[in-house]
C-alpha atoms as a PDB file:
ATOM      1  CA  MET A   1       2.820   6.071  19.453  1.00  0.00           C
ATOM      2  CA  HIS A   2       2.508   9.688  20.576  1.00  0.00           C
ATOM      3  CA  GLU A   3       0.038  12.253  19.320  1.00  0.00           C
ATOM      4  CA  GLY A   4       1.080  15.090  17.068  1.00  0.00           C
ATOM      5  CA  SER A   5       2.659  15.867  13.729  1.00  0.00           C
ATOM      6  CA  ARG A   6       5.841  14.227  12.539  1.00  0.00           C
ATOM      7  CA  ILE A   7       7.990  14.376   9.418  1.00  0.00           C
ATOM      8  CA  LEU A   8       9.181  10.985   8.199  1.00  0.00           C
ATOM      9  CA  THR A   9      12.359  10.693   6.146  1.00  0.00           C
ATOM     10  CA  LEU A  10      11.931   7.899   3.630  1.00  0.00           C
ATOM     11  CA  ASP A  11      14.724   5.631   2.474  1.00  0.00           C
ATOM     12  CA  ASN A  12      14.642   7.445  -0.892  1.00  0.00           C
ATOM     13  CA  GLY A  13      15.439  10.744   0.860  1.00  0.00           C
ATOM     14  CA  PHE A  14      12.027  12.369   0.476  1.00  0.00           C
ATOM     15  CA  HIS A  15      10.015  13.584   3.455  1.00  0.00           C
ATOM     16  CA  LEU A  16       6.384  12.858   4.310  1.00  0.00           C
ATOM     17  CA  PHE A  17       4.107  14.690   6.722  1.00  0.00           C
ATOM     18  CA  THR A  18       2.256  12.495   9.217  1.00  0.00           C
ATOM     19  CA  ARG A  19      -0.196  13.251  11.998  1.00  0.00           C
ATOM     20  CA  THR A  20      -1.451  11.053  14.830  1.00  0.00           C
ATOM     21  CA  VAL A  21      -4.495  11.994  16.909  1.00  0.00           C
ATOM     22  CA  GLY A  22      -6.033  10.394  19.988  1.00  0.00           C
ATOM     23  CA  GLU A  23      -5.090   7.548  22.259  1.00  0.00           C
ATOM     24  CA  GLY A  24      -6.302   3.977  22.452  1.00  0.00           C
ATOM     25  CA  ASP A  25      -5.524   0.358  21.801  1.00  0.00           C
ATOM     26  CA  VAL A  26      -7.192   0.383  18.380  1.00  0.00           C
ATOM     27  CA  LYS A  27      -4.842   1.750  15.717  1.00  0.00           C
ATOM     28  CA  LEU A  28      -6.209   3.187  12.466  1.00  0.00           C
ATOM     29  CA  LEU A  29      -4.087   4.391   9.552  1.00  0.00           C
ATOM     30  CA  CYS A  30      -5.940   6.514   6.981  1.00  0.00           C
ATOM     31  CA  VAL A  31      -4.849   6.796   3.345  1.00  0.00           C
ATOM     32  CA  HIS A  32      -6.147   9.800   1.418  1.00  0.00           C
ATOM     33  CA  GLY A  33      -7.634   9.862  -2.043  1.00  0.00           C
ATOM     34  CA  GLY A  34      -7.014  11.866  -5.173  1.00  0.00           C
ATOM     35  CA  PRO A  35      -4.460  10.839  -5.969  1.00  0.00           C
ATOM     36  CA  GLY A  36      -3.098  14.154  -4.795  1.00  0.00           C
ATOM     37  CA  SER A  37      -5.488  15.042  -1.982  1.00  0.00           C
ATOM     38  CA  ASN A  38      -4.213  15.176   1.607  1.00  0.00           C
ATOM     39  CA  HIS A  39      -4.580  14.047   5.210  1.00  0.00           C
ATOM     40  CA  GLU A  40      -7.124  16.752   6.069  1.00  0.00           C
ATOM     41  CA  GLU A  41      -9.873  14.458   4.764  1.00  0.00           C
ATOM     42  CA  PHE A  42      -9.529  12.719   8.121  1.00  0.00           C
ATOM     43  CA  GLU A  43      -8.865  15.647  10.444  1.00  0.00           C
ATOM     44  CA  ASN A  44     -12.029  15.059  12.516  1.00  0.00           C
ATOM     45  CA  PHE A  45     -11.664  11.279  12.754  1.00  0.00           C
ATOM     46  CA  GLY A  46      -9.697  11.408  16.004  1.00  0.00           C
ATOM     47  CA  GLU A  47     -12.396  13.429  17.757  1.00  0.00           C
ATOM     48  CA  ARG A  48     -15.220  11.299  16.390  1.00  0.00           C
ATOM     49  CA  LEU A  49     -13.555   7.986  17.250  1.00  0.00           C
ATOM     50  CA  ALA A  50     -12.073   8.935  20.630  1.00  0.00           C
ATOM     51  CA  LYS A  51     -14.923   7.357  22.602  1.00  0.00           C
ATOM     52  CA  TYR A  52     -14.161   4.037  20.906  1.00  0.00           C
ATOM     53  CA  GLY A  53     -10.523   4.074  21.954  1.00  0.00           C
ATOM     54  CA  VAL A  54      -9.174   4.589  18.440  1.00  0.00           C
ATOM     55  CA  GLN A  55      -5.869   6.283  17.719  1.00  0.00           C
ATOM     56  CA  VAL A  56      -5.897   7.732  14.202  1.00  0.00           C
ATOM     57  CA  SER A  57      -2.813   8.237  12.042  1.00  0.00           C
ATOM     58  CA  MET A  58      -2.754   9.890   8.623  1.00  0.00           C
ATOM     59  CA  TYR A  59      -0.162  11.160   6.172  1.00  0.00           C
ATOM     60  CA  ASP A  60       0.333  13.105   2.954  1.00  0.00           C
ATOM     61  CA  GLN A  61       1.577  10.941   0.099  1.00  0.00           C
ATOM     62  CA  LEU A  62       4.608  11.980  -1.934  1.00  0.00           C
ATOM     63  CA  GLY A  63       3.725  14.990  -4.073  1.00  0.00           C
ATOM     64  CA  SER A  64       0.839  16.046  -1.836  1.00  0.00           C
ATOM     65  CA  PHE A  65       0.367  19.046   0.462  1.00  0.00           C
ATOM     66  CA  TYR A  66       2.885  19.115   3.362  1.00  0.00           C
ATOM     67  CA  SER A  67       4.995  16.252   1.998  1.00  0.00           C
ATOM     68  CA  ASP A  68       7.803  16.745  -0.508  1.00  0.00           C
ATOM     69  CA  GLN A  69       6.642  17.638  -4.002  1.00  0.00           C
ATOM     70  CA  PRO A  70       9.213  16.491  -6.558  1.00  0.00           C
ATOM     71  CA  ASP A  71       9.250  17.921 -10.059  1.00  0.00           C
ATOM     72  CA  PHE A  72       7.531  15.023 -11.808  1.00  0.00           C
ATOM     73  CA  THR A  73       8.430  16.401 -15.229  1.00  0.00           C
ATOM     74  CA  LYS A  74      12.002  15.258 -14.587  1.00  0.00           C
ATOM     75  CA  PRO A  75      12.623  11.729 -15.889  1.00  0.00           C
ATOM     76  CA  GLU A  76      14.327  10.641 -12.671  1.00  0.00           C
ATOM     77  CA  ASN A  77      11.173  11.407 -10.661  1.00  0.00           C
ATOM     78  CA  GLN A  78       8.623   9.754 -12.930  1.00  0.00           C
ATOM     79  CA  LYS A  79       9.412   6.351 -11.413  1.00  0.00           C
ATOM     80  CA  TYR A  80       7.500   7.479  -8.323  1.00  0.00           C
ATOM     81  CA  LEU A  81       4.229   7.886 -10.213  1.00  0.00           C
ATOM     82  CA  THR A  82       3.305   4.212  -9.999  1.00  0.00           C
ATOM     83  CA  LEU A  83       1.014   2.064  -7.915  1.00  0.00           C
ATOM     84  CA  ASP A  84       4.001  -0.008  -6.793  1.00  0.00           C
ATOM     85  CA  TYR A  85       5.736   3.081  -5.442  1.00  0.00           C
ATOM     86  CA  TYR A  86       2.764   4.342  -3.436  1.00  0.00           C
ATOM     87  CA  LEU A  87       2.194   0.829  -2.125  1.00  0.00           C
ATOM     88  CA  SER A  88       5.786   0.535  -0.925  1.00  0.00           C
ATOM     89  CA  GLU A  89       5.524   4.054   0.504  1.00  0.00           C
ATOM     90  CA  LEU A  90       2.489   2.997   2.543  1.00  0.00           C
ATOM     91  CA  GLU A  91       4.400   0.022   3.936  1.00  0.00           C
ATOM     92  CA  GLU A  92       7.353   2.240   4.839  1.00  0.00           C
ATOM     93  CA  VAL A  93       5.025   4.680   6.610  1.00  0.00           C
ATOM     94  CA  ARG A  94       3.595   1.758   8.590  1.00  0.00           C
ATOM     95  CA  GLN A  95       7.064   0.646   9.612  1.00  0.00           C
ATOM     96  CA  LYS A  96       8.265   4.094  10.622  1.00  0.00           C
ATOM     97  CA  LEU A  97       5.097   4.751  12.644  1.00  0.00           C
ATOM     98  CA  GLY A  98       5.503   1.389  14.360  1.00  0.00           C
ATOM     99  CA  LEU A  99       2.066   0.097  13.428  1.00  0.00           C
ATOM    100  CA  ASP A 100       1.135  -3.576  13.525  1.00  0.00           C
ATOM    101  CA  ASN A 101      -2.148  -5.438  13.904  1.00  0.00           C
ATOM    102  CA  PHE A 102      -3.858  -2.219  12.805  1.00  0.00           C
ATOM    103  CA  TYR A 103      -6.867  -1.142  10.759  1.00  0.00           C
ATOM    104  CA  LEU A 104      -6.256   0.443   7.362  1.00  0.00           C
ATOM    105  CA  LEU A 105      -8.800   2.869   5.908  1.00  0.00           C
ATOM    106  CA  GLY A 106      -8.537   4.031   2.315  1.00  0.00           C
ATOM    107  CA  HIS A 107     -10.652   6.730   0.714  1.00  0.00           C
ATOM    108  CA  SER A 108     -11.154   6.637  -3.081  1.00  0.00           C
ATOM    109  CA  TRP A 109      -7.631   6.173  -4.524  1.00  0.00           C
ATOM    110  CA  GLY A 110      -6.617   5.276  -0.988  1.00  0.00           C
ATOM    111  CA  GLY A 111      -9.146   2.437  -1.132  1.00  0.00           C
ATOM    112  CA  LEU A 112      -7.290   1.028  -4.119  1.00  0.00           C
ATOM    113  CA  LEU A 113      -4.030   1.208  -2.166  1.00  0.00           C
ATOM    114  CA  ALA A 114      -5.659  -0.384   0.886  1.00  0.00           C
ATOM    115  CA  GLN A 115      -6.866  -3.383  -1.105  1.00  0.00           C
ATOM    116  CA  GLU A 116      -3.516  -3.875  -2.806  1.00  0.00           C
ATOM    117  CA  TYR A 117      -1.782  -3.479   0.550  1.00  0.00           C
ATOM    118  CA  ALA A 118      -3.979  -6.152   2.112  1.00  0.00           C
ATOM    119  CA  LEU A 119      -3.016  -8.575  -0.652  1.00  0.00           C
ATOM    120  CA  LYS A 120       0.709  -7.950  -0.252  1.00  0.00           C
ATOM    121  CA  TYR A 121       1.127  -7.091   3.431  1.00  0.00           C
ATOM    122  CA  GLY A 122      -1.986  -8.581   4.993  1.00  0.00           C
ATOM    123  CA  ASP A 123      -0.089 -10.147   7.904  1.00  0.00           C
ATOM    124  CA  HIS A 124       0.180  -6.702   9.503  1.00  0.00           C
ATOM    125  CA  LEU A 125      -3.528  -5.928   9.278  1.00  0.00           C
ATOM    126  CA  LYS A 126      -6.433  -6.400  11.628  1.00  0.00           C
ATOM    127  CA  GLY A 127      -8.925  -5.107   9.082  1.00  0.00           C
ATOM    128  CA  VAL A 128      -9.489  -2.930   6.012  1.00  0.00           C
ATOM    129  CA  VAL A 129     -12.095  -0.210   5.487  1.00  0.00           C
ATOM    130  CA  VAL A 130     -12.746   0.983   1.923  1.00  0.00           C
ATOM    131  CA  MET A 131     -14.471   4.360   1.811  1.00  0.00           C
ATOM    132  CA  SER A 132     -16.197   5.853  -1.231  1.00  0.00           C
ATOM    133  CA  MET A 133     -14.272   4.401  -4.143  1.00  0.00           C
ATOM    134  CA  ILE A 134     -14.895   3.020  -7.621  1.00  0.00           C
ATOM    135  CA  ASP A 135     -13.513  -0.444  -8.268  1.00  0.00           C
ATOM    136  CA  ASN A 136     -13.919  -0.440 -12.049  1.00  0.00           C
ATOM    137  CA  ILE A 137     -13.309   2.796 -13.942  1.00  0.00           C
ATOM    138  CA  GLU A 138     -14.504   1.379 -17.260  1.00  0.00           C
ATOM    139  CA  GLU A 139     -17.916   0.492 -15.802  1.00  0.00           C
ATOM    140  CA  TYR A 140     -18.110   3.852 -14.025  1.00  0.00           C
ATOM    141  CA  THR A 141     -17.332   5.744 -17.230  1.00  0.00           C
ATOM    142  CA  VAL A 142     -20.075   3.940 -19.151  1.00  0.00           C
ATOM    143  CA  HIS A 143     -22.545   4.499 -16.316  1.00  0.00           C
ATOM    144  CA  ILE A 144     -21.829   8.201 -15.758  1.00  0.00           C
ATOM    145  CA  ASN A 145     -22.096   8.854 -19.503  1.00  0.00           C
ATOM    146  CA  GLN A 146     -25.482   7.116 -19.547  1.00  0.00           C
ATOM    147  CA  LEU A 147     -26.597   9.318 -16.666  1.00  0.00           C
ATOM    148  CA  ARG A 148     -25.400  12.387 -18.537  1.00  0.00           C
ATOM    149  CA  GLU A 149     -27.526  11.429 -21.540  1.00  0.00           C
ATOM    150  CA  LYS A 150     -30.564  11.138 -19.242  1.00  0.00           C
ATOM    151  CA  THR A 151     -29.898  14.361 -17.381  1.00  0.00           C
ATOM    152  CA  PHE A 152     -29.109  16.866 -20.122  1.00  0.00           C
ATOM    153  CA  SER A 153     -30.493  17.828 -23.505  1.00  0.00           C
ATOM    154  CA  LYS A 154     -28.788  16.610 -26.679  1.00  0.00           C
ATOM    155  CA  PHE A 155     -27.411  20.101 -27.211  1.00  0.00           C
ATOM    156  CA  GLU A 156     -25.840  20.148 -23.742  1.00  0.00           C
ATOM    157  CA  VAL A 157     -24.376  16.656 -24.110  1.00  0.00           C
ATOM    158  CA  ASP A 158     -22.907  17.536 -27.512  1.00  0.00           C
ATOM    159  CA  TYR A 159     -21.496  20.734 -26.038  1.00  0.00           C
ATOM    160  CA  MET A 160     -19.768  18.792 -23.248  1.00  0.00           C
ATOM    161  CA  LYS A 161     -18.342  16.260 -25.693  1.00  0.00           C
ATOM    162  CA  ASP A 162     -16.937  19.056 -27.845  1.00  0.00           C
ATOM    163  CA  VAL A 163     -15.273  20.657 -24.819  1.00  0.00           C
ATOM    164  CA  GLU A 164     -13.763  17.319 -23.819  1.00  0.00           C
ATOM    165  CA  GLU A 165     -12.529  16.604 -27.340  1.00  0.00           C
ATOM    166  CA  HIS A 166     -10.695  19.933 -27.430  1.00  0.00           C
ATOM    167  CA  GLU A 167      -9.647  19.756 -23.740  1.00  0.00           C
ATOM    168  CA  ARG A 168     -11.190  23.127 -22.855  1.00  0.00           C
ATOM    169  CA  PHE A 169     -12.009  21.945 -19.341  1.00  0.00           C
ATOM    170  CA  ASP A 170     -11.998  25.443 -17.836  1.00  0.00           C
ATOM    171  CA  ASP A 171     -14.967  26.435 -20.030  1.00  0.00           C
ATOM    172  CA  PRO A 172     -17.480  28.079 -17.616  1.00  0.00           C
ATOM    173  CA  LYS A 173     -20.560  26.467 -19.166  1.00  0.00           C
ATOM    174  CA  TYR A 174     -18.897  23.054 -19.107  1.00  0.00           C
ATOM    175  CA  GLN A 175     -17.949  23.497 -15.456  1.00  0.00           C
ATOM    176  CA  GLU A 176     -21.534  24.468 -14.667  1.00  0.00           C
ATOM    177  CA  LEU A 177     -22.902  21.331 -16.340  1.00  0.00           C
ATOM    178  CA  VAL A 178     -20.371  19.087 -14.603  1.00  0.00           C
ATOM    179  CA  ALA A 179     -21.331  20.628 -11.258  1.00  0.00           C
ATOM    180  CA  GLN A 180     -25.007  19.865 -11.948  1.00  0.00           C
ATOM    181  CA  LEU A 181     -24.213  16.264 -12.873  1.00  0.00           C
ATOM    182  CA  TYR A 182     -22.018  15.748  -9.833  1.00  0.00           C
ATOM    183  CA  LYS A 183     -24.601  17.230  -7.480  1.00  0.00           C
ATOM    184  CA  ILE A 184     -27.144  14.647  -8.629  1.00  0.00           C
ATOM    185  CA  TYR A 185     -24.962  11.563  -8.929  1.00  0.00           C
ATOM    186  CA  VAL A 186     -21.518  12.092  -7.369  1.00  0.00           C
ATOM    187  CA  ASN A 187     -21.448  14.681  -4.582  1.00  0.00           C
ATOM    188  CA  ARG A 188     -24.968  15.354  -3.352  1.00  0.00           C
ATOM    189  CA  HIS A 189     -23.878  17.881  -0.726  1.00  0.00           C
ATOM    190  CA  PRO A 190     -21.232  20.058  -2.397  1.00  0.00           C
ATOM    191  CA  GLU A 191     -21.735  22.790   0.194  1.00  0.00           C
ATOM    192  CA  ARG A 192     -20.149  20.461   2.748  1.00  0.00           C
ATOM    193  CA  ALA A 193     -17.123  19.740   0.600  1.00  0.00           C
ATOM    194  CA  PRO A 194     -13.937  21.316   1.950  1.00  0.00           C
ATOM    195  CA  ARG A 195     -12.962  23.799  -0.758  1.00  0.00           C
ATOM    196  CA  HIS A 196      -9.493  23.873   0.701  1.00  0.00           C
ATOM    197  CA  LEU A 197      -8.937  20.253  -0.360  1.00  0.00           C
ATOM    198  CA  VAL A 198      -9.732  21.148  -3.951  1.00  0.00           C
ATOM    199  CA  GLU A 199      -7.459  24.188  -3.923  1.00  0.00           C
ATOM    200  CA  THR A 200      -4.535  22.186  -2.524  1.00  0.00           C
ATOM    201  CA  MET A 201      -4.920  19.164  -4.816  1.00  0.00           C
ATOM    202  CA  ALA A 202      -1.589  17.960  -6.200  1.00  0.00           C
ATOM    203  CA  THR A 203      -2.524  18.370  -9.851  1.00  0.00           C
ATOM    204  CA  PRO A 204       0.550  16.660 -11.389  1.00  0.00           C
ATOM    205  CA  VAL A 205      -0.144  13.494  -9.398  1.00  0.00           C
ATOM    206  CA  TYR A 206      -3.887  13.581 -10.015  1.00  0.00           C
ATOM    207  CA  ASN A 207      -3.570  14.171 -13.749  1.00  0.00           C
ATOM    208  CA  HIS A 208      -1.066  11.351 -14.182  1.00  0.00           C
ATOM    209  CA  PHE A 209      -3.283   8.724 -12.607  1.00  0.00           C
ATOM    210  CA  SER A 210      -6.757  10.035 -13.400  1.00  0.00           C
ATOM    211  CA  GLY A 211      -6.334  12.126 -16.528  1.00  0.00           C
ATOM    212  CA  LYS A 212      -7.731  15.599 -17.078  1.00  0.00           C
ATOM    213  CA  GLN A 213     -11.244  14.776 -18.163  1.00  0.00           C
ATOM    214  CA  ARG A 214     -14.562  14.593 -16.309  1.00  0.00           C
ATOM    215  CA  VAL A 215     -14.133  10.823 -16.293  1.00  0.00           C
ATOM    216  CA  CYS A 216     -10.834   9.119 -15.550  1.00  0.00           C
ATOM    217  CA  ASP A 217      -8.743   8.601 -18.680  1.00  0.00           C
ATOM    218  CA  GLY A 218      -5.276   8.327 -17.159  1.00  0.00           C
ATOM    219  CA  TRP A 219      -3.616   5.319 -15.559  1.00  0.00           C
ATOM    220  CA  HIS A 220      -6.648   4.330 -13.452  1.00  0.00           C
ATOM    221  CA  PRO A 221      -8.501   2.309 -16.128  1.00  0.00           C
ATOM    222  CA  GLU A 222      -5.816  -0.388 -15.905  1.00  0.00           C
ATOM    223  CA  TRP A 223      -6.940  -1.334 -12.402  1.00  0.00           C
ATOM    224  CA  VAL A 224     -10.064  -3.341 -11.632  1.00  0.00           C
ATOM    225  CA  GLY A 225     -10.854  -4.324  -8.069  1.00  0.00           C
ATOM    226  CA  SER A 226     -14.031  -6.321  -8.596  1.00  0.00           C
ATOM    227  CA  PRO A 227     -13.690  -9.901  -7.355  1.00  0.00           C
ATOM    228  CA  SER A 228     -13.544 -12.472 -10.116  1.00  0.00           C
END
């Protein structure tokens, strides 16, 4: 597989952006998070892994960044906002890139896809890497709310709850409090976070799966990845 950017035409007619960097016998396919983020999460992986002989491939999922962005408010496009779709999309990307006996890395939401992919298409894999994800949203929600109670005064907690109840998530004070909470418990080095990734987030996709609140209240709570 050659280096460079490539547009894949899926069987459903949509187009996905892909990029392959580096050369080597070890093949790594990276699946971005969000949902709704993009391949730039992994843009330095090729350089960092070159000395290990790793060729890195990445892509933007449907609705994200350089890939096609359907109008998901149309009923005919809502069928794509499912785990099954993004799982089948991942398999089609693998096929069209000609990958086999490869490593699959998933970040956050991509980690969910990677685990589901391993269960369904494991014969193609050499290994799976799960990077920075939550495997049980219900447990996470309880935990982060407990941490909020410890971190802020009762007035501040009540203020945040009121904002969330009325969905005023752009409230400046609320955003300030969320940033403080995240800096302590979620993203300890926000200055290193690529602002560009936030600005280019595919909001329709993200909101469908994760909801609009500080904690995930969308589709995500239905999925639990903890081993039984």
